[in-house]
Amino acid sequence: MAEELGYYDIFLIDIRSGNIIYSVFKEVDFATSLADGPYSESGLGILFKRLQEAPERDKPIIVDFRPYEPSYGAPRPLWASPFLIAQRPWAFWPCRSM
């Protein structure tokens, strides 16, 4: 599905803990925390922090091209959209473009 949509990877990340709980490719960032783990300062970590701080949690967040170590340093743009349950953000779906 990720490839069909033009994405390199699709994640599901817990919005409270920052834990990466799903990834299509399951690279070395899988099952780490974006809050305080080894990739907390990466583009994906920045995306997580921006989503947590966003006043309107129902809108997508975008991070411009940045190298991403788990993908061999390849620069990729990132975007995320929150996943809502009962109108409250539960997780978010970040995607990395190819």
C-alpha atoms as a PDB file:
ATOM      1  CA  MET A   1       0.000   0.000   0.000  1.00  0.00           C
ATOM      2  CA  ALA A   2       2.787   2.474   0.855  1.00  0.00           C
ATOM      3  CA  GLU A   3       4.450   2.026  -2.522  1.00  0.00           C
ATOM      4  CA  GLU A   4       1.148   2.329  -4.382  1.00  0.00           C
ATOM      5  CA  LEU A   5       0.551   5.684  -2.658  1.00  0.00           C
ATOM      6  CA  GLY A   6       4.103   6.881  -3.406  1.00  0.00           C
ATOM      7  CA  TYR A   7       5.402   6.603   0.162  1.00  0.00           C
ATOM      8  CA  TYR A   8       8.609   4.972   1.277  1.00  0.00           C
ATOM      9  CA  ASP A   9       7.166   4.014   4.666  1.00  0.00           C
ATOM     10  CA  ILE A  10       4.026   4.491   6.730  1.00  0.00           C
ATOM     11  CA  PHE A  11       4.066   4.468  10.529  1.00  0.00           C
ATOM     12  CA  LEU A  12       1.595   4.369  13.393  1.00  0.00           C
ATOM     13  CA  ILE A  13       2.948   6.267  16.396  1.00  0.00           C
ATOM     14  CA  ASP A  14       1.375   6.592  19.850  1.00  0.00           C
ATOM     15  CA  ILE A  15       0.772  10.304  20.368  1.00  0.00           C
ATOM     16  CA  ARG A  16       1.264  10.121  24.146  1.00  0.00           C
ATOM     17  CA  SER A  17       4.469   8.092  24.384  1.00  0.00           C
ATOM     18  CA  GLY A  18       6.013   8.657  20.945  1.00  0.00           C
ATOM     19  CA  ASN A  19       6.477   4.896  20.492  1.00  0.00           C
ATOM     20  CA  ILE A  20       6.585   3.691  16.899  1.00  0.00           C
ATOM     21  CA  ILE A  21       4.069   0.837  17.077  1.00  0.00           C
ATOM     22  CA  TYR A  22       3.826   0.044  13.353  1.00  0.00           C
ATOM     23  CA  SER A  23       6.054   0.519  10.315  1.00  0.00           C
ATOM     24  CA  VAL A  24       5.793  -1.027   6.860  1.00  0.00           C
ATOM     25  CA  PHE A  25       9.572  -1.569   6.615  1.00  0.00           C
ATOM     26  CA  LYS A  26      10.436  -2.025  10.297  1.00  0.00           C
ATOM     27  CA  GLU A  27      13.842  -0.380  10.040  1.00  0.00           C
ATOM     28  CA  VAL A  28      15.985   0.228  13.138  1.00  0.00           C
ATOM     29  CA  ASP A  29      13.617   2.992  14.288  1.00  0.00           C
ATOM     30  CA  PHE A  30      10.742   0.520  14.736  1.00  0.00           C
ATOM     31  CA  ALA A  31       9.652   0.104  18.391  1.00  0.00           C
ATOM     32  CA  THR A  32      11.719   3.091  19.559  1.00  0.00           C
ATOM     33  CA  SER A  33      10.393   6.254  21.221  1.00  0.00           C
ATOM     34  CA  LEU A  34      10.374   9.574  19.403  1.00  0.00           C
ATOM     35  CA  ALA A  35       9.983  11.309  22.771  1.00  0.00           C
ATOM     36  CA  ASP A  36      13.338  10.270  24.220  1.00  0.00           C
ATOM     37  CA  GLY A  37      14.784   7.514  22.027  1.00  0.00           C
ATOM     38  CA  PRO A  38      17.702   7.596  19.594  1.00  0.00           C
ATOM     39  CA  TYR A  39      15.654   9.326  16.848  1.00  0.00           C
ATOM     40  CA  SER A  40      13.976  11.968  19.022  1.00  0.00           C
ATOM     41  CA  GLU A  41      15.988  14.726  17.266  1.00  0.00           C
ATOM     42  CA  SER A  42      15.380  13.330  13.754  1.00  0.00           C
ATOM     43  CA  GLY A  43      12.831  14.670  11.289  1.00  0.00           C
ATOM     44  CA  LEU A  44      10.353  12.100  12.582  1.00  0.00           C
ATOM     45  CA  GLY A  45      11.046  13.187  16.174  1.00  0.00           C
ATOM     46  CA  ILE A  46      10.529  16.832  15.194  1.00  0.00           C
ATOM     47  CA  LEU A  47       7.267  15.862  13.491  1.00  0.00           C
ATOM     48  CA  PHE A  48       6.132  14.104  16.690  1.00  0.00           C
ATOM     49  CA  LYS A  49       6.936  17.149  18.843  1.00  0.00           C
ATOM     50  CA  ARG A  50       5.199  19.553  16.452  1.00  0.00           C
ATOM     51  CA  LEU A  51       2.083  17.390  16.447  1.00  0.00           C
ATOM     52  CA  GLN A  52       2.034  17.284  20.253  1.00  0.00           C
ATOM     53  CA  GLU A  53       2.415  21.069  20.452  1.00  0.00           C
ATOM     54  CA  ALA A  54      -0.066  21.899  17.672  1.00  0.00           C
ATOM     55  CA  PRO A  55      -3.083  23.855  18.924  1.00  0.00           C
ATOM     56  CA  GLU A  56      -5.292  22.244  16.272  1.00  0.00           C
ATOM     57  CA  ARG A  57      -4.608  18.537  16.575  1.00  0.00           C
ATOM     58  CA  ASP A  58      -6.869  17.570  13.674  1.00  0.00           C
ATOM     59  CA  LYS A  59      -4.667  19.135  10.974  1.00  0.00           C
ATOM     60  CA  PRO A  60      -1.684  17.547   9.199  1.00  0.00           C
ATOM     61  CA  ILE A  61       1.875  18.602  10.087  1.00  0.00           C
ATOM     62  CA  ILE A  62       4.725  18.753   7.551  1.00  0.00           C
ATOM     63  CA  VAL A  63       8.516  18.639   8.019  1.00  0.00           C
ATOM     64  CA  ASP A  64      10.644  19.583   5.023  1.00  0.00           C
ATOM     65  CA  PHE A  65      13.448  17.409   3.587  1.00  0.00           C
ATOM     66  CA  ARG A  66      15.855  16.120   6.252  1.00  0.00           C
ATOM     67  CA  PRO A  67      18.300  13.221   6.217  1.00  0.00           C
ATOM     68  CA  TYR A  68      16.922  10.239   8.146  1.00  0.00           C
ATOM     69  CA  GLU A  69      19.502   7.865   9.627  1.00  0.00           C
ATOM     70  CA  PRO A  70      17.354   4.674   9.667  1.00  0.00           C
ATOM     71  CA  SER A  71      16.897   5.110   5.905  1.00  0.00           C
ATOM     72  CA  TYR A  72      20.657   5.324   5.281  1.00  0.00           C
ATOM     73  CA  GLY A  73      20.590   9.118   5.637  1.00  0.00           C
ATOM     74  CA  ALA A  74      18.326   9.607   2.626  1.00  0.00           C
ATOM     75  CA  PRO A  75      16.647  13.030   2.795  1.00  0.00           C
ATOM     76  CA  ARG A  76      12.882  12.750   2.701  1.00  0.00           C
ATOM     77  CA  PRO A  77       9.984  15.075   3.482  1.00  0.00           C
ATOM     78  CA  LEU A  78       7.642  13.919   6.235  1.00  0.00           C
ATOM     79  CA  TRP A  79       4.012  14.597   6.974  1.00  0.00           C
ATOM     80  CA  ALA A  80       1.609  13.294   9.585  1.00  0.00           C
ATOM     81  CA  SER A  81      -2.084  13.292  10.234  1.00  0.00           C
ATOM     82  CA  PRO A  82      -3.615  12.444  13.627  1.00  0.00           C
ATOM     83  CA  PHE A  83      -5.749   9.348  14.110  1.00  0.00           C
ATOM     84  CA  LEU A  84      -8.767  10.322  16.227  1.00  0.00           C
ATOM     85  CA  ILE A  85     -10.872   8.138  18.517  1.00  0.00           C
ATOM     86  CA  ALA A  86     -13.888   9.839  20.118  1.00  0.00           C
ATOM     87  CA  GLN A  87     -12.573  13.215  18.838  1.00  0.00           C
ATOM     88  CA  ARG A  88      -9.293  12.810  20.769  1.00  0.00           C
ATOM     89  CA  PRO A  89      -5.927  12.189  19.107  1.00  0.00           C
ATOM     90  CA  TRP A  90      -4.737   8.665  19.861  1.00  0.00           C
ATOM     91  CA  ALA A  91      -1.935   8.175  17.386  1.00  0.00           C
ATOM     92  CA  PHE A  92      -0.712   9.626  14.129  1.00  0.00           C
ATOM     93  CA  TRP A  93       0.188   8.367  10.674  1.00  0.00           C
ATOM     94  CA  PRO A  94       3.482   9.816   9.491  1.00  0.00           C
ATOM     95  CA  CYS A  95       4.584   9.067   5.951  1.00  0.00           C
ATOM     96  CA  ARG A  96       7.921   9.431   4.198  1.00  0.00           C
ATOM     97  CA  SER A  97       7.792  10.133   0.493  1.00  0.00           C
ATOM     98  CA  MET A  98       9.994   8.189  -1.918  1.00  0.00           C
END
